Amino acid sequence: MKTMWLAAAALSLAQTTPATKPATALSAPGRIFIASDSTAAHYTHAQYPQMGWGMFLSCVVPTDMQVINMAHGGRSTKTYVSDGFWQQLTASLKPGDTVLIQFGHNDEDTTKMFRHVDPPQYAQNLTKFVADVRAHQATPVLMTPIARDEFDADGRIKETHGAWAAAVRQVAAATRTPLIDLDARAIRFFGGVGAGKADRYFMIYTPADHVPLFPQGHHDTTHLNELGARAAAALVGQGLAALDLPISHEIHAPDPAAVKATGSPTCW
């Protein structure tokens, strides 16, 4: 599988890098940057089957539209800035670019308080992100954090992001920023799949699954496996297509229920 993975990575790079065009050709469409956490981040073959939805976003955009995934695991709106990633991203922006901004999982976390951000400060951080992107004549798109694979005793999927998801919606409304409500979209999708059955989209395995990294099994209701990352990318693509942005009409997202895992980062 490793050879397949490397070949797929080369193909993915070719798909996300704009081809050289003659000087007389129309300029290439703006690039899409991803500012996010582990749910969107890039993972290596050695970390398989964990993958992030950002690895598959290039599959829903035209081949000459570059996707630059700057998601980093473990980051909140506070540590993404303090670790220098936000400055790196904004320094790379050009007019016409689009920035997808999705945080929340680590802002909510109270087990590692160095990255915790309460909802009011989280809203302020997001507001600054929006202003910074617009200062570079680029387009910010706010996103609520993706839903977790957690269900109640009645088999209904839980809303686990609460005040943080609400803060994203409030900032989007107050700043008139395009919003992809990935939390709501994922709740509808995973909730429709159902309790137990939705496990196949997450890092949830038993010893009988024979996953090399987890011979004793694994239970992670937050992070996506390959199938989950592909489904989430489709949900993000559908959200982009529904917005009134210059790139929206160019997005072609599949039905998230129809995606399949291939064991590599190739497109569907």
C-alpha atoms as a PDB file:
ATOM      1  CA  MET A   1       0.000   0.000   0.000  1.00  0.00           C
ATOM      2  CA  LYS A   2       2.945   2.336   0.666  1.00  0.00           C
ATOM      3  CA  THR A   3       3.852   2.501  -3.031  1.00  0.00           C
ATOM      4  CA  MET A   4       0.221   3.260  -3.822  1.00  0.00           C
ATOM      5  CA  TRP A   5       0.192   5.966  -1.146  1.00  0.00           C
ATOM      6  CA  LEU A   6       3.318   7.648  -2.524  1.00  0.00           C
ATOM      7  CA  ALA A   7       1.972   7.548  -6.056  1.00  0.00           C
ATOM      8  CA  ALA A   8      -1.321   8.960  -4.830  1.00  0.00           C
ATOM      9  CA  ALA A   9       0.494  11.744  -2.992  1.00  0.00           C
ATOM     10  CA  ALA A  10       2.267  12.703  -6.204  1.00  0.00           C
ATOM     11  CA  LEU A  11      -1.057  12.701  -8.041  1.00  0.00           C
ATOM     12  CA  SER A  12      -2.642  14.807  -5.317  1.00  0.00           C
ATOM     13  CA  LEU A  13       0.193  17.345  -5.553  1.00  0.00           C
ATOM     14  CA  ALA A  14      -0.311  17.565  -9.288  1.00  0.00           C
ATOM     15  CA  GLN A  15      -4.034  18.104  -8.757  1.00  0.00           C
ATOM     16  CA  THR A  16      -3.566  20.896  -6.240  1.00  0.00           C
ATOM     17  CA  THR A  17      -0.835  22.796  -8.093  1.00  0.00           C
ATOM     18  CA  PRO A  18      -2.017  25.114 -10.871  1.00  0.00           C
ATOM     19  CA  ALA A  19      -0.571  24.314 -14.281  1.00  0.00           C
ATOM     20  CA  THR A  20       1.658  26.942 -15.909  1.00  0.00           C
ATOM     21  CA  LYS A  21      -0.368  29.051 -18.314  1.00  0.00           C
ATOM     22  CA  PRO A  22       0.624  31.334 -21.166  1.00  0.00           C
ATOM     23  CA  ALA A  23       0.931  35.000 -20.274  1.00  0.00           C
ATOM     24  CA  THR A  24      -2.145  35.758 -22.351  1.00  0.00           C
ATOM     25  CA  ALA A  25      -4.336  33.258 -20.512  1.00  0.00           C
ATOM     26  CA  LEU A  26      -6.831  34.265 -17.863  1.00  0.00           C
ATOM     27  CA  SER A  27      -5.378  34.255 -14.356  1.00  0.00           C
ATOM     28  CA  ALA A  28      -5.837  31.089 -12.306  1.00  0.00           C
ATOM     29  CA  PRO A  29      -8.707  31.005  -9.804  1.00  0.00           C
ATOM     30  CA  GLY A  30      -7.913  32.058  -6.261  1.00  0.00           C
ATOM     31  CA  ARG A  31      -6.409  29.548  -3.892  1.00  0.00           C
ATOM     32  CA  ILE A  32      -8.174  27.948  -0.932  1.00  0.00           C
ATOM     33  CA  PHE A  33      -6.339  27.958   2.407  1.00  0.00           C
ATOM     34  CA  ILE A  34      -7.414  25.821   5.358  1.00  0.00           C
ATOM     35  CA  ALA A  35      -6.791  27.133   8.879  1.00  0.00           C
ATOM     36  CA  SER A  36      -7.875  24.406  11.268  1.00  0.00           C
ATOM     37  CA  ASP A  37      -6.994  21.593  13.632  1.00  0.00           C
ATOM     38  CA  SER A  38      -6.506  17.815  13.529  1.00  0.00           C
ATOM     39  CA  THR A  39      -9.916  17.163  12.001  1.00  0.00           C
ATOM     40  CA  ALA A  40      -8.724  18.792   8.768  1.00  0.00           C
ATOM     41  CA  ALA A  41      -4.965  18.178   8.975  1.00  0.00           C
ATOM     42  CA  HIS A  42      -2.711  16.174   6.680  1.00  0.00           C
ATOM     43  CA  TYR A  43      -1.543  12.733   7.862  1.00  0.00           C
ATOM     44  CA  THR A  44       1.184  10.450   6.565  1.00  0.00           C
ATOM     45  CA  HIS A  45       0.987   6.812   5.496  1.00  0.00           C
ATOM     46  CA  ALA A  46       2.461   5.844   8.874  1.00  0.00           C
ATOM     47  CA  GLN A  47      -0.562   7.422  10.606  1.00  0.00           C
ATOM     48  CA  TYR A  48      -3.170   5.663   8.474  1.00  0.00           C
ATOM     49  CA  PRO A  49      -6.138   5.158   8.867  1.00  0.00           C
ATOM     50  CA  GLN A  50      -6.372   8.613  10.473  1.00  0.00           C
ATOM     51  CA  MET A  51      -6.930  11.347   7.903  1.00  0.00           C
ATOM     52  CA  GLY A  52      -8.306  14.891   7.820  1.00  0.00           C
ATOM     53  CA  TRP A  53     -10.961  16.323   5.536  1.00  0.00           C
ATOM     54  CA  GLY A  54      -8.471  18.857   4.198  1.00  0.00           C
ATOM     55  CA  MET A  55      -6.626  16.009   2.450  1.00  0.00           C
ATOM     56  CA  PHE A  56      -9.624  15.527   0.143  1.00  0.00           C
ATOM     57  CA  LEU A  57     -10.872  19.067  -0.425  1.00  0.00           C
ATOM     58  CA  SER A  58      -8.899  19.224  -3.687  1.00  0.00           C
ATOM     59  CA  CYS A  59     -11.214  16.478  -4.945  1.00  0.00           C
ATOM     60  CA  VAL A  60     -14.228  18.812  -5.004  1.00  0.00           C
ATOM     61  CA  VAL A  61     -12.587  21.814  -6.693  1.00  0.00           C
ATOM     62  CA  PRO A  62     -11.265  22.258 -10.253  1.00  0.00           C
ATOM     63  CA  THR A  63      -7.797  20.853 -10.856  1.00  0.00           C
ATOM     64  CA  ASP A  64      -6.373  24.346 -11.442  1.00  0.00           C
ATOM     65  CA  MET A  65      -7.602  25.605  -8.052  1.00  0.00           C
ATOM     66  CA  GLN A  66      -4.892  25.106  -5.453  1.00  0.00           C
ATOM     67  CA  VAL A  67      -5.797  23.916  -1.960  1.00  0.00           C
ATOM     68  CA  ILE A  68      -3.224  24.798   0.689  1.00  0.00           C
ATOM     69  CA  ASN A  69      -3.884  22.821   3.854  1.00  0.00           C
ATOM     70  CA  MET A  70      -2.422  24.667   6.828  1.00  0.00           C
ATOM     71  CA  ALA A  71      -4.399  22.764   9.459  1.00  0.00           C
ATOM     72  CA  HIS A  72      -2.348  21.615  12.447  1.00  0.00           C
ATOM     73  CA  GLY A  73      -3.375  19.098  15.076  1.00  0.00           C
ATOM     74  CA  GLY A  74      -3.963  20.242  18.638  1.00  0.00           C
ATOM     75  CA  ARG A  75      -4.421  23.915  17.815  1.00  0.00           C
ATOM     76  CA  SER A  76      -7.080  26.269  19.063  1.00  0.00           C
ATOM     77  CA  THR A  77      -7.661  29.828  17.887  1.00  0.00           C
ATOM     78  CA  LYS A  78      -5.130  30.822  20.584  1.00  0.00           C
ATOM     79  CA  THR A  79      -2.318  28.349  19.895  1.00  0.00           C
ATOM     80  CA  TYR A  80      -2.692  28.561  16.107  1.00  0.00           C
ATOM     81  CA  VAL A  81      -1.621  32.182  16.545  1.00  0.00           C
ATOM     82  CA  SER A  82       0.967  31.706  19.311  1.00  0.00           C
ATOM     83  CA  ASP A  83       2.668  28.905  17.345  1.00  0.00           C
ATOM     84  CA  GLY A  84       3.031  31.213  14.341  1.00  0.00           C
ATOM     85  CA  PHE A  85       0.741  29.411  11.917  1.00  0.00           C
ATOM     86  CA  TRP A  86      -1.728  32.260  11.459  1.00  0.00           C
ATOM     87  CA  GLN A  87       1.066  34.710  10.606  1.00  0.00           C
ATOM     88  CA  GLN A  88       2.482  32.231   8.088  1.00  0.00           C
ATOM     89  CA  LEU A  89      -0.927  31.846   6.467  1.00  0.00           C
ATOM     90  CA  THR A  90      -1.766  35.539   6.225  1.00  0.00           C
ATOM     91  CA  ALA A  91       1.718  36.356   4.924  1.00  0.00           C
ATOM     92  CA  SER A  92       1.032  34.003   2.013  1.00  0.00           C
ATOM     93  CA  LEU A  93      -2.356  35.460   1.054  1.00  0.00           C
ATOM     94  CA  LYS A  94      -3.041  37.158  -2.257  1.00  0.00           C
ATOM     95  CA  PRO A  95      -6.140  39.041  -3.411  1.00  0.00           C
ATOM     96  CA  GLY A  96      -8.829  36.585  -4.496  1.00  0.00           C
ATOM     97  CA  ASP A  97      -7.808  33.783  -2.125  1.00  0.00           C
ATOM     98  CA  THR A  98     -10.335  32.060   0.137  1.00  0.00           C
ATOM     99  CA  VAL A  99      -9.587  31.007   3.729  1.00  0.00           C
ATOM    100  CA  LEU A 100     -11.636  28.305   5.452  1.00  0.00           C
ATOM    101  CA  ILE A 101     -11.459  28.846   9.226  1.00  0.00           C
ATOM    102  CA  GLN A 102     -12.513  25.895  11.395  1.00  0.00           C
ATOM    103  CA  PHE A 103     -11.563  25.659  15.060  1.00  0.00           C
ATOM    104  CA  GLY A 104     -13.358  24.726  18.267  1.00  0.00           C
ATOM    105  CA  HIS A 105     -12.386  21.216  19.362  1.00  0.00           C
ATOM    106  CA  ASN A 106      -9.275  22.435  21.176  1.00  0.00           C
ATOM    107  CA  ASP A 107     -10.756  25.763  22.236  1.00  0.00           C
ATOM    108  CA  GLU A 108     -13.366  23.736  24.165  1.00  0.00           C
ATOM    109  CA  ASP A 109     -10.774  21.435  25.746  1.00  0.00           C
ATOM    110  CA  THR A 110     -10.263  21.867  29.475  1.00  0.00           C
ATOM    111  CA  THR A 111      -7.754  19.019  29.902  1.00  0.00           C
ATOM    112  CA  LYS A 112      -5.000  21.162  28.349  1.00  0.00           C
ATOM    113  CA  MET A 113      -5.783  24.644  29.562  1.00  0.00           C
ATOM    114  CA  PHE A 114      -2.905  26.239  27.645  1.00  0.00           C
ATOM    115  CA  ARG A 115      -5.033  25.948  24.518  1.00  0.00           C
ATOM    116  CA  HIS A 116      -8.475  26.491  26.052  1.00  0.00           C
ATOM    117  CA  VAL A 117     -10.419  29.550  24.902  1.00  0.00           C
ATOM    118  CA  ASP A 118     -13.787  30.461  26.391  1.00  0.00           C
ATOM    119  CA  PRO A 119     -16.612  31.362  23.983  1.00  0.00           C
ATOM    120  CA  PRO A 120     -16.365  35.194  24.283  1.00  0.00           C
ATOM    121  CA  GLN A 121     -12.612  35.191  23.586  1.00  0.00           C
ATOM    122  CA  TYR A 122     -13.099  32.541  20.886  1.00  0.00           C
ATOM    123  CA  ALA A 123     -15.551  34.899  19.170  1.00  0.00           C
ATOM    124  CA  GLN A 124     -13.040  37.754  19.426  1.00  0.00           C
ATOM    125  CA  ASN A 125     -10.299  35.573  17.933  1.00  0.00           C
ATOM    126  CA  LEU A 126     -12.528  34.581  15.020  1.00  0.00           C
ATOM    127  CA  THR A 127     -13.485  38.212  14.445  1.00  0.00           C
ATOM    128  CA  LYS A 128      -9.806  39.135  14.209  1.00  0.00           C
ATOM    129  CA  PHE A 129      -9.182  36.250  11.788  1.00  0.00           C
ATOM    130  CA  VAL A 130     -11.949  37.587   9.545  1.00  0.00           C
ATOM    131  CA  ALA A 131     -10.497  41.113   9.632  1.00  0.00           C
ATOM    132  CA  ASP A 132      -6.961  39.876   8.916  1.00  0.00           C
ATOM    133  CA  VAL A 133      -8.079  37.904   5.872  1.00  0.00           C
ATOM    134  CA  ARG A 134     -10.084  40.820   4.489  1.00  0.00           C
ATOM    135  CA  ALA A 135      -7.104  43.140   5.015  1.00  0.00           C
ATOM    136  CA  HIS A 136      -5.319  41.002   2.411  1.00  0.00           C
ATOM    137  CA  GLN A 137      -8.273  41.307  -0.006  1.00  0.00           C
ATOM    138  CA  ALA A 138      -9.048  37.636   0.482  1.00  0.00           C
ATOM    139  CA  THR A 139     -12.350  36.008   1.463  1.00  0.00           C
ATOM    140  CA  PRO A 140     -12.836  34.435   4.909  1.00  0.00           C
ATOM    141  CA  VAL A 141     -15.275  31.559   5.347  1.00  0.00           C
ATOM    142  CA  LEU A 142     -16.124  30.625   8.931  1.00  0.00           C
ATOM    143  CA  MET A 143     -16.907  27.012   9.787  1.00  0.00           C
ATOM    144  CA  THR A 144     -18.389  25.435  12.889  1.00  0.00           C
ATOM    145  CA  PRO A 145     -16.354  22.451  14.191  1.00  0.00           C
ATOM    146  CA  ILE A 146     -17.375  19.059  12.836  1.00  0.00           C
ATOM    147  CA  ALA A 147     -19.712  16.991  14.998  1.00  0.00           C
ATOM    148  CA  ARG A 148     -18.454  14.101  17.084  1.00  0.00           C
ATOM    149  CA  ASP A 149     -19.617  10.494  16.942  1.00  0.00           C
ATOM    150  CA  GLU A 150     -21.522  10.689  20.199  1.00  0.00           C
ATOM    151  CA  PHE A 151     -25.150   9.592  20.652  1.00  0.00           C
ATOM    152  CA  ASP A 152     -27.521   9.632  23.586  1.00  0.00           C
ATOM    153  CA  ALA A 153     -29.358   6.653  25.061  1.00  0.00           C
ATOM    154  CA  ASP A 154     -32.242   7.223  22.635  1.00  0.00           C
ATOM    155  CA  GLY A 155     -29.957   6.930  19.631  1.00  0.00           C
ATOM    156  CA  ARG A 156     -29.909  10.653  18.815  1.00  0.00           C
ATOM    157  CA  ILE A 157     -26.611  12.306  17.932  1.00  0.00           C
ATOM    158  CA  LYS A 158     -25.461  14.852  20.495  1.00  0.00           C
ATOM    159  CA  GLU A 159     -24.626  18.507  19.960  1.00  0.00           C
ATOM    160  CA  THR A 160     -21.252  18.597  21.728  1.00  0.00           C
ATOM    161  CA  HIS A 161     -19.965  22.000  20.574  1.00  0.00           C
ATOM    162  CA  GLY A 162     -22.658  24.122  22.193  1.00  0.00           C
ATOM    163  CA  ALA A 163     -21.521  27.681  22.901  1.00  0.00           C
ATOM    164  CA  TRP A 164     -18.500  27.411  20.593  1.00  0.00           C
ATOM    165  CA  ALA A 165     -20.563  26.486  17.540  1.00  0.00           C
ATOM    166  CA  ALA A 166     -23.047  29.209  18.488  1.00  0.00           C
ATOM    167  CA  ALA A 167     -20.185  31.723  18.680  1.00  0.00           C
ATOM    168  CA  VAL A 168     -19.103  30.915  15.121  1.00  0.00           C
ATOM    169  CA  ARG A 169     -22.637  31.497  13.860  1.00  0.00           C
ATOM    170  CA  GLN A 170     -22.873  34.762  15.778  1.00  0.00           C
ATOM    171  CA  VAL A 171     -19.553  36.079  14.447  1.00  0.00           C
ATOM    172  CA  ALA A 172     -20.519  35.107  10.904  1.00  0.00           C
ATOM    173  CA  ALA A 173     -23.777  37.038  11.225  1.00  0.00           C
ATOM    174  CA  ALA A 174     -22.188  40.067  12.914  1.00  0.00           C
ATOM    175  CA  THR A 175     -19.356  40.375  10.379  1.00  0.00           C
ATOM    176  CA  ARG A 176     -21.393  39.242   7.354  1.00  0.00           C
ATOM    177  CA  THR A 177     -18.954  36.429   6.760  1.00  0.00           C
ATOM    178  CA  PRO A 178     -19.900  33.346   4.698  1.00  0.00           C
ATOM    179  CA  LEU A 179     -20.610  30.397   6.974  1.00  0.00           C
ATOM    180  CA  ILE A 180     -20.387  26.640   6.485  1.00  0.00           C
ATOM    181  CA  ASP A 181     -22.225  25.117   9.428  1.00  0.00           C
ATOM    182  CA  LEU A 182     -20.246  21.877   9.366  1.00  0.00           C
ATOM    183  CA  ASP A 183     -21.469  20.976  12.837  1.00  0.00           C
ATOM    184  CA  ALA A 184     -25.096  21.029  11.680  1.00  0.00           C
ATOM    185  CA  ARG A 185     -24.309  19.302   8.374  1.00  0.00           C
ATOM    186  CA  ALA A 186     -22.359  16.548  10.135  1.00  0.00           C
ATOM    187  CA  ILE A 187     -25.067  16.112  12.766  1.00  0.00           C
ATOM    188  CA  ARG A 188     -27.606  15.536   9.990  1.00  0.00           C
ATOM    189  CA  PHE A 189     -25.334  13.169   8.111  1.00  0.00           C
ATOM    190  CA  PHE A 190     -23.884  11.094  10.967  1.00  0.00           C
ATOM    191  CA  GLY A 191     -27.176  11.252  12.836  1.00  0.00           C
ATOM    192  CA  GLY A 192     -28.886   9.838   9.777  1.00  0.00           C
ATOM    193  CA  VAL A 193     -26.346   7.025   9.569  1.00  0.00           C
ATOM    194  CA  GLY A 194     -27.214   6.160  13.138  1.00  0.00           C
ATOM    195  CA  ALA A 195     -25.659   5.206  16.458  1.00  0.00           C
ATOM    196  CA  GLY A 196     -23.052   2.491  16.102  1.00  0.00           C
ATOM    197  CA  LYS A 197     -23.126   2.615  12.309  1.00  0.00           C
ATOM    198  CA  ALA A 198     -21.508   6.074  12.292  1.00  0.00           C
ATOM    199  CA  ASP A 199     -18.472   4.519  14.017  1.00  0.00           C
ATOM    200  CA  ARG A 200     -17.137   3.447  10.629  1.00  0.00           C
ATOM    201  CA  TYR A 201     -16.332   7.102   9.838  1.00  0.00           C
ATOM    202  CA  PHE A 202     -14.238   7.648  12.963  1.00  0.00           C
ATOM    203  CA  MET A 203     -11.128   6.244  14.597  1.00  0.00           C
ATOM    204  CA  ILE A 204     -13.100   3.500  16.299  1.00  0.00           C
ATOM    205  CA  TYR A 205     -11.842  -0.077  16.002  1.00  0.00           C
ATOM    206  CA  THR A 206     -11.987  -3.369  17.838  1.00  0.00           C
ATOM    207  CA  PRO A 207      -9.170  -5.957  17.966  1.00  0.00           C
ATOM    208  CA  ALA A 208     -11.162  -7.929  15.363  1.00  0.00           C
ATOM    209  CA  ASP A 209     -10.622  -5.103  12.841  1.00  0.00           C
ATOM    210  CA  HIS A 210      -6.883  -5.953  12.773  1.00  0.00           C
ATOM    211  CA  VAL A 211      -5.720  -2.352  12.414  1.00  0.00           C
ATOM    212  CA  PRO A 212      -1.903  -2.477  12.764  1.00  0.00           C
ATOM    213  CA  LEU A 213      -1.678   0.736  14.789  1.00  0.00           C
ATOM    214  CA  PHE A 214      -4.326  -0.449  17.237  1.00  0.00           C
ATOM    215  CA  PRO A 215      -4.008  -4.198  17.833  1.00  0.00           C
ATOM    216  CA  GLN A 216      -5.989  -3.805  21.074  1.00  0.00           C
ATOM    217  CA  GLY A 217      -8.619  -1.611  19.445  1.00  0.00           C
ATOM    218  CA  HIS A 218      -9.196   2.131  19.620  1.00  0.00           C
ATOM    219  CA  HIS A 219     -12.102   4.405  20.560  1.00  0.00           C
ATOM    220  CA  ASP A 220     -11.860   8.026  19.387  1.00  0.00           C
ATOM    221  CA  THR A 221     -15.170   9.772  18.694  1.00  0.00           C
ATOM    222  CA  THR A 222     -13.555  12.995  17.456  1.00  0.00           C
ATOM    223  CA  HIS A 223     -10.989  12.114  14.807  1.00  0.00           C
ATOM    224  CA  LEU A 224     -11.839  10.908  11.326  1.00  0.00           C
ATOM    225  CA  ASN A 225     -10.541   7.871   9.499  1.00  0.00           C
ATOM    226  CA  GLU A 226     -10.195   7.839   5.718  1.00  0.00           C
ATOM    227  CA  LEU A 227     -13.879   7.204   5.071  1.00  0.00           C
ATOM    228  CA  GLY A 228     -14.860   9.943   7.522  1.00  0.00           C
ATOM    229  CA  ALA A 229     -12.408  12.421   6.017  1.00  0.00           C
ATOM    230  CA  ARG A 230     -13.798  11.778   2.546  1.00  0.00           C
ATOM    231  CA  ALA A 231     -17.379  12.196   3.773  1.00  0.00           C
ATOM    232  CA  ALA A 232     -16.486  15.374   5.663  1.00  0.00           C
ATOM    233  CA  ALA A 233     -14.751  16.833   2.586  1.00  0.00           C
ATOM    234  CA  ALA A 234     -17.938  16.188   0.640  1.00  0.00           C
ATOM    235  CA  LEU A 235     -19.935  18.002   3.338  1.00  0.00           C
ATOM    236  CA  VAL A 236     -17.517  20.958   3.220  1.00  0.00           C
ATOM    237  CA  GLY A 237     -17.757  20.954  -0.566  1.00  0.00           C
ATOM    238  CA  GLN A 238     -21.542  21.043  -0.397  1.00  0.00           C
ATOM    239  CA  GLY A 239     -21.289  23.950   2.024  1.00  0.00           C
ATOM    240  CA  LEU A 240     -18.976  25.848  -0.313  1.00  0.00           C
ATOM    241  CA  ALA A 241     -21.248  25.195  -3.278  1.00  0.00           C
ATOM    242  CA  ALA A 242     -24.204  26.642  -1.363  1.00  0.00           C
ATOM    243  CA  LEU A 243     -22.440  29.956  -0.719  1.00  0.00           C
ATOM    244  CA  ASP A 244     -22.549  32.989  -2.984  1.00  0.00           C
ATOM    245  CA  LEU A 245     -18.807  33.102  -3.668  1.00  0.00           C
ATOM    246  CA  PRO A 246     -16.925  33.339  -6.980  1.00  0.00           C
ATOM    247  CA  ILE A 247     -15.663  29.778  -6.453  1.00  0.00           C
ATOM    248  CA  SER A 248     -19.029  28.323  -5.396  1.00  0.00           C
ATOM    249  CA  HIS A 249     -20.252  27.430  -8.874  1.00  0.00           C
ATOM    250  CA  GLU A 250     -17.019  25.528  -9.513  1.00  0.00           C
ATOM    251  CA  ILE A 251     -17.453  23.147  -6.578  1.00  0.00           C
ATOM    252  CA  HIS A 252     -18.653  19.651  -7.394  1.00  0.00           C
ATOM    253  CA  ALA A 253     -19.076  17.649  -4.189  1.00  0.00           C
ATOM    254  CA  PRO A 254     -20.218  14.026  -4.153  1.00  0.00           C
ATOM    255  CA  ASP A 255     -22.894  12.580  -1.914  1.00  0.00           C
ATOM    256  CA  PRO A 256     -21.060  11.900   1.387  1.00  0.00           C
ATOM    257  CA  ALA A 257     -22.979   8.628   1.696  1.00  0.00           C
ATOM    258  CA  ALA A 258     -21.521   7.419  -1.612  1.00  0.00           C
ATOM    259  CA  VAL A 259     -17.797   7.898  -0.880  1.00  0.00           C
ATOM    260  CA  LYS A 260     -15.589   4.863  -0.347  1.00  0.00           C
ATOM    261  CA  ALA A 261     -12.203   4.304   1.271  1.00  0.00           C
ATOM    262  CA  THR A 262      -9.391   3.298  -1.075  1.00  0.00           C
ATOM    263  CA  GLY A 263      -6.476   3.039   1.346  1.00  0.00           C
ATOM    264  CA  SER A 264      -4.752   6.077  -0.149  1.00  0.00           C
ATOM    265  CA  PRO A 265      -5.207   9.858  -0.446  1.00  0.00           C
ATOM    266  CA  THR A 266      -6.433   9.688  -4.051  1.00  0.00           C
ATOM    267  CA  CYS A 267      -9.701  11.311  -5.029  1.00  0.00           C
ATOM    268  CA  TRP A 268     -12.889   9.349  -5.345  1.00  0.00           C
END
